[in-house]
Amino acid sequence: PIIRAMNEIRIVRQRLRQARLAAKMTQQQLAERIDRTQSHVSGYETGERTPTLEVTTRLAAALGVTVHWLCGEDRVHAELPADMRPEVLLQDPDTPPGLVALAADARLIESLGIAGADWTMLRSLRCPASLSKEGYLAVLLVVRGHT
């Protein structure tokens, strides 16, 4: 278990740096997007710090990648496009029912301004199949910093 955990931290820091450089962002720019300091981002990239799930979700959304990809998993949906739209989620048979319900609620989407990066982040989460529309909404609000 210790070796596996060390390997997972290595993957996160490598992929975090890779995604940040691909996005042509400095550590400072990324830090501002996730409401952290540059030293936090540096610590995540060197492995001196381990981001929480909330921070990992923010990092993934800011970089246009998925949490799965950032954590080293290369699954079918590991690299969803940054311009993910609700229509795509509604047509995908693998989209969880709670996320389908959220994607189908045009009024809520418009009122909250749910955009491509939000959809990409929500689709990248590994949530219980029973997570409801309200559950996905709660996750979105926590990631955005609205508690």
N, C-alpha and C. Protein backbone atom coordinates (compact mmCIF):
# COMPACT_ATOMS: atom_id res chain seq x y z
N PRO A 1 0.80 -1.21 0.00
CA PRO A 1 0.00 0.00 0.00
C PRO A 1 0.85 1.28 0.00
N ILE A 2 1.96 1.29 0.74
CA ILE A 2 2.80 2.49 0.79
C ILE A 2 3.43 2.75 -0.57
N ILE A 3 3.93 1.71 -1.22
CA ILE A 3 4.54 1.87 -2.54
C ILE A 3 3.50 2.35 -3.54
N ARG A 4 2.30 1.80 -3.48
CA ARG A 4 1.23 2.22 -4.40
C ARG A 4 0.89 3.69 -4.17
N ALA A 5 0.77 4.11 -2.92
CA ALA A 5 0.46 5.51 -2.60
C ALA A 5 1.55 6.44 -3.11
N MET A 6 2.81 6.04 -2.96
CA MET A 6 3.92 6.86 -3.44
C MET A 6 3.88 6.96 -4.96
N ASN A 7 3.55 5.86 -5.63
CA ASN A 7 3.45 5.86 -7.08
C ASN A 7 2.31 6.77 -7.54
N GLU A 8 1.18 6.74 -6.82
CA GLU A 8 0.04 7.59 -7.19
C GLU A 8 0.39 9.07 -7.04
N ILE A 9 1.11 9.43 -5.99
CA ILE A 9 1.54 10.82 -5.82
C ILE A 9 2.45 11.23 -6.96
N ARG A 10 3.35 10.34 -7.38
CA ARG A 10 4.25 10.63 -8.49
C ARG A 10 3.47 10.89 -9.77
N ILE A 11 2.46 10.08 -10.02
CA ILE A 11 1.63 10.25 -11.22
C ILE A 11 0.90 11.58 -11.18
N VAL A 12 0.30 11.91 -10.04
CA VAL A 12 -0.43 13.17 -9.92
C VAL A 12 0.50 14.34 -10.18
N ARG A 13 1.66 14.35 -9.56
CA ARG A 13 2.56 15.50 -9.74
C ARG A 13 3.06 15.60 -11.17
N GLN A 14 3.35 14.46 -11.81
CA GLN A 14 3.80 14.49 -13.20
C GLN A 14 2.69 14.99 -14.13
N ARG A 15 1.51 14.47 -13.94
CA ARG A 15 0.41 14.86 -14.81
C ARG A 15 -0.03 16.30 -14.54
N LEU A 16 0.04 16.72 -13.32
CA LEU A 16 -0.31 18.10 -12.99
C LEU A 16 0.63 19.06 -13.72
N ARG A 17 1.91 18.80 -13.64
CA ARG A 17 2.89 19.66 -14.33
C ARG A 17 2.68 19.59 -15.84
N GLN A 18 2.47 18.39 -16.36
CA GLN A 18 2.25 18.20 -17.79
C GLN A 18 1.04 19.00 -18.27
N ALA A 19 -0.06 18.91 -17.54
CA ALA A 19 -1.29 19.62 -17.92
C ALA A 19 -1.10 21.13 -17.80
N ARG A 20 -0.41 21.57 -16.76
CA ARG A 20 -0.19 23.01 -16.57
C ARG A 20 0.65 23.57 -17.72
N LEU A 21 1.70 22.86 -18.08
CA LEU A 21 2.55 23.33 -19.19
C LEU A 21 1.80 23.30 -20.51
N ALA A 22 0.98 22.26 -20.71
CA ALA A 22 0.19 22.17 -21.95
C ALA A 22 -0.80 23.33 -22.04
N ALA A 23 -1.30 23.77 -20.88
CA ALA A 23 -2.25 24.89 -20.84
C ALA A 23 -1.52 26.24 -20.90
N LYS A 24 -0.18 26.18 -20.95
CA LYS A 24 0.64 27.39 -21.01
C LYS A 24 0.36 28.32 -19.82
N MET A 25 0.30 27.69 -18.64
CA MET A 25 0.05 28.43 -17.41
C MET A 25 1.27 28.37 -16.50
N THR A 26 1.49 29.45 -15.79
CA THR A 26 2.51 29.43 -14.75
C THR A 26 1.89 28.84 -13.49
N GLN A 27 2.73 28.50 -12.53
CA GLN A 27 2.20 28.02 -11.27
C GLN A 27 1.35 29.09 -10.60
N GLN A 28 1.76 30.34 -10.72
CA GLN A 28 1.01 31.45 -10.14
C GLN A 28 -0.38 31.57 -10.77
N GLN A 29 -0.45 31.46 -12.08
CA GLN A 29 -1.74 31.56 -12.77
C GLN A 29 -2.68 30.43 -12.35
N LEU A 30 -2.12 29.22 -12.27
CA LEU A 30 -2.94 28.09 -11.84
C LEU A 30 -3.39 28.28 -10.40
N ALA A 31 -2.49 28.74 -9.55
CA ALA A 31 -2.82 28.98 -8.14
C ALA A 31 -3.99 29.96 -8.01
N GLU A 32 -3.98 31.00 -8.82
CA GLU A 32 -5.07 31.98 -8.76
C GLU A 32 -6.39 31.36 -9.19
N ARG A 33 -6.35 30.47 -10.16
CA ARG A 33 -7.59 29.83 -10.63
C ARG A 33 -8.20 28.87 -9.62
N ILE A 34 -7.34 28.30 -8.76
CA ILE A 34 -7.86 27.34 -7.78
C ILE A 34 -7.91 27.91 -6.36
N ASP A 35 -7.65 29.20 -6.26
CA ASP A 35 -7.71 29.90 -4.97
C ASP A 35 -6.72 29.33 -3.96
N ARG A 36 -5.50 29.14 -4.43
CA ARG A 36 -4.39 28.68 -3.59
C ARG A 36 -3.18 29.56 -3.88
N THR A 37 -2.09 29.33 -3.17
CA THR A 37 -0.87 30.10 -3.42
C THR A 37 0.02 29.35 -4.41
N GLN A 38 0.95 30.07 -4.98
CA GLN A 38 1.91 29.45 -5.90
C GLN A 38 2.70 28.36 -5.19
N SER A 39 3.00 28.56 -3.91
CA SER A 39 3.77 27.55 -3.18
C SER A 39 2.97 26.26 -3.01
N HIS A 40 1.63 26.36 -2.94
CA HIS A 40 0.81 25.16 -2.90
C HIS A 40 0.96 24.38 -4.21
N VAL A 41 0.83 25.08 -5.33
CA VAL A 41 0.93 24.42 -6.64
C VAL A 41 2.32 23.80 -6.78
N SER A 42 3.34 24.53 -6.38
CA SER A 42 4.70 23.99 -6.44
C SER A 42 4.81 22.72 -5.60
N GLY A 43 4.22 22.75 -4.42
CA GLY A 43 4.24 21.58 -3.54
C GLY A 43 3.51 20.39 -4.14
N TYR A 44 2.41 20.64 -4.84
CA TYR A 44 1.68 19.56 -5.51
C TYR A 44 2.55 18.95 -6.62
N GLU A 45 3.26 19.81 -7.34
CA GLU A 45 4.08 19.32 -8.45
C GLU A 45 5.34 18.60 -7.99
N THR A 46 5.85 18.94 -6.83
CA THR A 46 7.05 18.27 -6.33
C THR A 46 6.72 17.06 -5.46
N GLY A 47 5.46 16.95 -5.07
CA GLY A 47 5.06 15.84 -4.21
C GLY A 47 5.20 16.16 -2.73
N GLU A 48 5.58 17.39 -2.40
CA GLU A 48 5.70 17.79 -1.00
C GLU A 48 4.33 17.98 -0.37
N ARG A 49 3.33 18.25 -1.19
CA ARG A 49 1.96 18.41 -0.74
C ARG A 49 1.08 17.46 -1.54
N THR A 50 -0.01 17.02 -0.93
CA THR A 50 -0.98 16.19 -1.63
C THR A 50 -2.30 16.95 -1.65
N PRO A 51 -2.83 17.24 -2.84
CA PRO A 51 -4.09 17.99 -2.90
C PRO A 51 -5.26 17.16 -2.40
N THR A 52 -6.20 17.83 -1.75
CA THR A 52 -7.43 17.18 -1.33
C THR A 52 -8.26 16.86 -2.57
N LEU A 53 -9.33 16.11 -2.41
CA LEU A 53 -10.22 15.82 -3.53
C LEU A 53 -10.79 17.12 -4.10
N GLU A 54 -11.19 18.03 -3.23
CA GLU A 54 -11.74 19.31 -3.70
C GLU A 54 -10.70 20.06 -4.53
N VAL A 55 -9.47 20.13 -4.06
CA VAL A 55 -8.42 20.84 -4.79
C VAL A 55 -8.10 20.11 -6.09
N THR A 56 -8.05 18.79 -6.05
CA THR A 56 -7.79 18.02 -7.26
C THR A 56 -8.87 18.29 -8.30
N THR A 57 -10.10 18.38 -7.86
CA THR A 57 -11.21 18.68 -8.77
C THR A 57 -11.06 20.07 -9.36
N ARG A 58 -10.66 21.03 -8.54
CA ARG A 58 -10.43 22.39 -9.03
C ARG A 58 -9.27 22.42 -10.02
N LEU A 59 -8.20 21.70 -9.70
CA LEU A 59 -7.05 21.63 -10.60
C LEU A 59 -7.46 21.07 -11.96
N ALA A 60 -8.19 19.98 -11.94
CA ALA A 60 -8.61 19.34 -13.19
C ALA A 60 -9.47 20.30 -14.01
N ALA A 61 -10.42 20.96 -13.37
CA ALA A 61 -11.30 21.89 -14.09
C ALA A 61 -10.50 23.06 -14.65
N ALA A 62 -9.58 23.60 -13.88
CA ALA A 62 -8.78 24.74 -14.34
C ALA A 62 -7.88 24.36 -15.52
N LEU A 63 -7.46 23.10 -15.56
CA LEU A 63 -6.53 22.66 -16.60
C LEU A 63 -7.23 21.99 -17.78
N GLY A 64 -8.54 21.81 -17.68
CA GLY A 64 -9.28 21.20 -18.79
C GLY A 64 -9.02 19.71 -18.94
N VAL A 65 -8.69 19.04 -17.82
CA VAL A 65 -8.51 17.59 -17.83
C VAL A 65 -9.48 17.01 -16.81
N THR A 66 -9.52 15.70 -16.72
CA THR A 66 -10.41 15.07 -15.75
C THR A 66 -9.63 14.67 -14.51
N VAL A 67 -10.37 14.50 -13.43
CA VAL A 67 -9.76 14.01 -12.20
C VAL A 67 -9.15 12.63 -12.44
N HIS A 68 -9.87 11.80 -13.20
CA HIS A 68 -9.34 10.46 -13.51
C HIS A 68 -7.98 10.54 -14.18
N TRP A 69 -7.88 11.39 -15.18
CA TRP A 69 -6.61 11.50 -15.91
C TRP A 69 -5.53 12.03 -14.99
N LEU A 70 -5.85 13.05 -14.22
CA LEU A 70 -4.88 13.64 -13.32
C LEU A 70 -4.35 12.62 -12.32
N CYS A 71 -5.20 11.69 -11.91
CA CYS A 71 -4.81 10.66 -10.94
C CYS A 71 -4.19 9.43 -11.60
N GLY A 72 -4.00 9.49 -12.91
CA GLY A 72 -3.28 8.41 -13.58
C GLY A 72 -4.13 7.35 -14.21
N GLU A 73 -5.42 7.57 -14.26
CA GLU A 73 -6.30 6.57 -14.87
C GLU A 73 -6.60 6.96 -16.30
N ASP A 74 -6.43 6.04 -17.20
CA ASP A 74 -6.67 6.28 -18.61
C ASP A 74 -7.86 5.45 -19.06
N ARG A 75 -9.03 5.87 -18.66
CA ARG A 75 -10.25 5.14 -19.00
C ARG A 75 -10.91 5.77 -20.21
N VAL A 76 -12.00 5.21 -20.64
CA VAL A 76 -12.71 5.69 -21.82
C VAL A 76 -12.97 7.19 -21.74
N HIS A 77 -13.40 7.67 -20.60
CA HIS A 77 -13.74 9.08 -20.46
C HIS A 77 -12.62 9.87 -19.78
N ALA A 78 -11.42 9.37 -19.82
CA ALA A 78 -10.33 10.01 -19.10
C ALA A 78 -9.96 11.38 -19.64
N GLU A 79 -10.18 11.62 -20.92
CA GLU A 79 -9.83 12.92 -21.46
C GLU A 79 -11.01 13.49 -22.26
N LEU A 80 -12.00 13.90 -21.54
CA LEU A 80 -13.16 14.50 -22.18
C LEU A 80 -12.78 15.88 -22.71
N PRO A 81 -13.41 16.31 -23.77
CA PRO A 81 -13.08 17.63 -24.30
C PRO A 81 -13.45 18.72 -23.31
N ALA A 82 -12.66 19.80 -23.31
CA ALA A 82 -12.91 20.91 -22.39
C ALA A 82 -14.23 21.60 -22.69
N ASP A 83 -14.76 21.43 -23.91
CA ASP A 83 -16.01 22.08 -24.28
C ASP A 83 -17.20 21.12 -24.15
N MET A 84 -17.12 20.24 -23.18
CA MET A 84 -18.21 19.29 -22.93
C MET A 84 -19.52 20.06 -22.78
N ARG A 85 -20.56 19.53 -23.41
CA ARG A 85 -21.87 20.17 -23.38
C ARG A 85 -22.90 19.18 -22.83
N PRO A 86 -23.99 19.69 -22.28
CA PRO A 86 -25.01 18.79 -21.73
C PRO A 86 -25.57 17.83 -22.78
N GLU A 87 -25.65 18.28 -24.04
CA GLU A 87 -26.18 17.41 -25.09
C GLU A 87 -25.33 16.13 -25.24
N VAL A 88 -24.03 16.29 -25.08
CA VAL A 88 -23.12 15.15 -25.19
C VAL A 88 -23.39 14.17 -24.05
N LEU A 89 -23.59 14.71 -22.85
CA LEU A 89 -23.85 13.86 -21.69
C LEU A 89 -25.19 13.13 -21.84
N LEU A 90 -26.17 13.81 -22.40
CA LEU A 90 -27.49 13.21 -22.56
C LEU A 90 -27.46 12.06 -23.58
N GLN A 91 -26.56 12.13 -24.54
CA GLN A 91 -26.47 11.09 -25.57
C GLN A 91 -25.55 9.93 -25.17
N ASP A 92 -24.74 10.13 -24.14
CA ASP A 92 -23.78 9.11 -23.72
C ASP A 92 -24.47 8.12 -22.78
N PRO A 93 -24.56 6.85 -23.17
CA PRO A 93 -25.24 5.87 -22.31
C PRO A 93 -24.51 5.60 -21.00
N ASP A 94 -23.24 6.01 -20.89
CA ASP A 94 -22.48 5.80 -19.66
C ASP A 94 -22.63 6.94 -18.66
N THR A 95 -23.36 7.99 -19.03
CA THR A 95 -23.56 9.11 -18.12
C THR A 95 -24.46 8.66 -16.98
N PRO A 96 -24.04 8.87 -15.74
CA PRO A 96 -24.86 8.46 -14.59
C PRO A 96 -26.22 9.19 -14.58
N PRO A 97 -27.26 8.53 -14.07
CA PRO A 97 -28.61 9.11 -14.08
C PRO A 97 -28.71 10.49 -13.43
N GLY A 98 -28.03 10.70 -12.31
CA GLY A 98 -28.09 12.00 -11.65
C GLY A 98 -27.51 13.11 -12.51
N LEU A 99 -26.45 12.80 -13.23
CA LEU A 99 -25.84 13.79 -14.12
C LEU A 99 -26.71 14.01 -15.34
N VAL A 100 -27.38 12.97 -15.82
CA VAL A 100 -28.33 13.12 -16.93
C VAL A 100 -29.45 14.08 -16.51
N ALA A 101 -29.96 13.90 -15.29
CA ALA A 101 -31.03 14.77 -14.80
C ALA A 101 -30.58 16.22 -14.74
N LEU A 102 -29.35 16.45 -14.30
CA LEU A 102 -28.83 17.81 -14.27
C LEU A 102 -28.65 18.36 -15.68
N ALA A 103 -28.11 17.56 -16.58
CA ALA A 103 -27.88 17.99 -17.96
C ALA A 103 -29.18 18.28 -18.69
N ALA A 104 -30.27 17.69 -18.24
CA ALA A 104 -31.57 17.90 -18.88
C ALA A 104 -32.30 19.14 -18.36
N ASP A 105 -31.79 19.75 -17.31
CA ASP A 105 -32.46 20.89 -16.69
C ASP A 105 -31.89 22.20 -17.25
N ALA A 106 -32.39 22.60 -18.41
CA ALA A 106 -31.87 23.78 -19.12
C ALA A 106 -31.99 25.06 -18.29
N ARG A 107 -33.08 25.20 -17.56
CA ARG A 107 -33.27 26.41 -16.74
C ARG A 107 -32.19 26.52 -15.66
N LEU A 108 -31.92 25.42 -14.98
CA LEU A 108 -30.90 25.41 -13.93
C LEU A 108 -29.52 25.65 -14.53
N ILE A 109 -29.24 25.02 -15.66
CA ILE A 109 -27.95 25.20 -16.34
C ILE A 109 -27.72 26.67 -16.67
N GLU A 110 -28.76 27.30 -17.20
CA GLU A 110 -28.64 28.72 -17.58
C GLU A 110 -28.50 29.60 -16.34
N SER A 111 -29.29 29.35 -15.32
CA SER A 111 -29.24 30.22 -14.14
C SER A 111 -27.91 30.12 -13.40
N LEU A 112 -27.30 28.95 -13.42
CA LEU A 112 -26.01 28.78 -12.74
C LEU A 112 -24.82 28.99 -13.66
N GLY A 113 -25.08 29.12 -14.95
CA GLY A 113 -23.98 29.32 -15.90
C GLY A 113 -23.06 28.12 -15.97
N ILE A 114 -23.63 26.92 -15.94
CA ILE A 114 -22.81 25.71 -15.99
C ILE A 114 -22.23 25.61 -17.39
N ALA A 115 -20.89 25.57 -17.45
CA ALA A 115 -20.20 25.62 -18.74
C ALA A 115 -19.38 24.37 -18.98
N GLY A 116 -18.64 24.37 -20.09
CA GLY A 116 -17.86 23.21 -20.52
C GLY A 116 -16.96 22.62 -19.46
N ALA A 117 -16.16 23.46 -18.80
CA ALA A 117 -15.25 22.94 -17.78
C ALA A 117 -16.01 22.32 -16.61
N ASP A 118 -17.17 22.90 -16.29
CA ASP A 118 -17.99 22.34 -15.21
C ASP A 118 -18.47 20.93 -15.58
N TRP A 119 -18.96 20.78 -16.82
CA TRP A 119 -19.44 19.47 -17.27
C TRP A 119 -18.30 18.46 -17.30
N THR A 120 -17.14 18.90 -17.78
CA THR A 120 -15.99 18.00 -17.83
C THR A 120 -15.62 17.52 -16.43
N MET A 121 -15.59 18.46 -15.49
CA MET A 121 -15.25 18.11 -14.11
C MET A 121 -16.29 17.15 -13.53
N LEU A 122 -17.58 17.47 -13.70
CA LEU A 122 -18.63 16.61 -13.14
C LEU A 122 -18.59 15.21 -13.75
N ARG A 123 -18.34 15.13 -15.04
CA ARG A 123 -18.30 13.81 -15.71
C ARG A 123 -17.08 13.01 -15.29
N SER A 124 -16.03 13.70 -14.87
CA SER A 124 -14.80 12.99 -14.51
C SER A 124 -14.85 12.39 -13.11
N LEU A 125 -15.81 12.82 -12.30
CA LEU A 125 -15.89 12.33 -10.92
C LEU A 125 -16.31 10.87 -10.87
N ARG A 126 -15.78 10.17 -9.92
CA ARG A 126 -16.24 8.81 -9.63
C ARG A 126 -17.19 8.89 -8.47
N CYS A 127 -18.44 8.94 -8.79
CA CYS A 127 -19.48 9.07 -7.75
C CYS A 127 -20.32 7.81 -7.74
N PRO A 128 -21.00 7.58 -6.63
CA PRO A 128 -21.91 6.43 -6.61
C PRO A 128 -22.98 6.60 -7.69
N ALA A 129 -23.38 5.51 -8.28
CA ALA A 129 -24.40 5.56 -9.33
C ALA A 129 -25.68 6.20 -8.81
N SER A 130 -25.88 6.13 -7.53
CA SER A 130 -27.11 6.66 -6.95
C SER A 130 -27.05 8.16 -6.67
N LEU A 131 -25.94 8.82 -7.00
CA LEU A 131 -25.85 10.26 -6.76
C LEU A 131 -26.91 10.97 -7.60
N SER A 132 -27.68 11.79 -6.95
CA SER A 132 -28.81 12.46 -7.61
C SER A 132 -28.36 13.74 -8.30
N LYS A 133 -29.30 14.32 -9.01
CA LYS A 133 -29.07 15.63 -9.64
C LYS A 133 -28.64 16.63 -8.57
N GLU A 134 -29.30 16.62 -7.43
CA GLU A 134 -28.96 17.53 -6.34
C GLU A 134 -27.56 17.26 -5.81
N GLY A 135 -27.16 15.99 -5.81
CA GLY A 135 -25.82 15.63 -5.37
C GLY A 135 -24.75 16.21 -6.29
N TYR A 136 -24.98 16.09 -7.60
CA TYR A 136 -24.04 16.68 -8.56
C TYR A 136 -24.02 18.20 -8.42
N LEU A 137 -25.17 18.79 -8.18
CA LEU A 137 -25.25 20.22 -7.99
C LEU A 137 -24.47 20.64 -6.76
N ALA A 138 -24.59 19.88 -5.68
CA ALA A 138 -23.83 20.18 -4.46
C ALA A 138 -22.33 20.10 -4.70
N VAL A 139 -21.88 19.09 -5.45
CA VAL A 139 -20.47 18.97 -5.78
C VAL A 139 -20.01 20.19 -6.56
N LEU A 140 -20.78 20.59 -7.54
CA LEU A 140 -20.44 21.76 -8.36
C LEU A 140 -20.30 23.01 -7.49
N LEU A 141 -21.24 23.22 -6.60
CA LEU A 141 -21.20 24.39 -5.75
C LEU A 141 -20.02 24.38 -4.78
N VAL A 142 -19.67 23.20 -4.27
CA VAL A 142 -18.50 23.10 -3.39
C VAL A 142 -17.23 23.42 -4.18
N VAL A 143 -17.12 22.87 -5.38
CA VAL A 143 -15.94 23.13 -6.21
C VAL A 143 -15.82 24.62 -6.52
N ARG A 144 -16.95 25.24 -6.78
CA ARG A 144 -16.94 26.69 -7.07
C ARG A 144 -16.70 27.52 -5.82
N GLY A 145 -16.74 26.89 -4.68
CA GLY A 145 -16.48 27.61 -3.42
C GLY A 145 -17.72 28.18 -2.77
N HIS A 146 -18.90 27.72 -3.16
CA HIS A 146 -20.15 28.18 -2.55
C HIS A 146 -20.60 27.13 -1.55
N THR A 147 -20.45 27.44 -0.29
CA THR A 147 -20.87 26.48 0.72
C THR A 147 -22.08 26.99 1.48
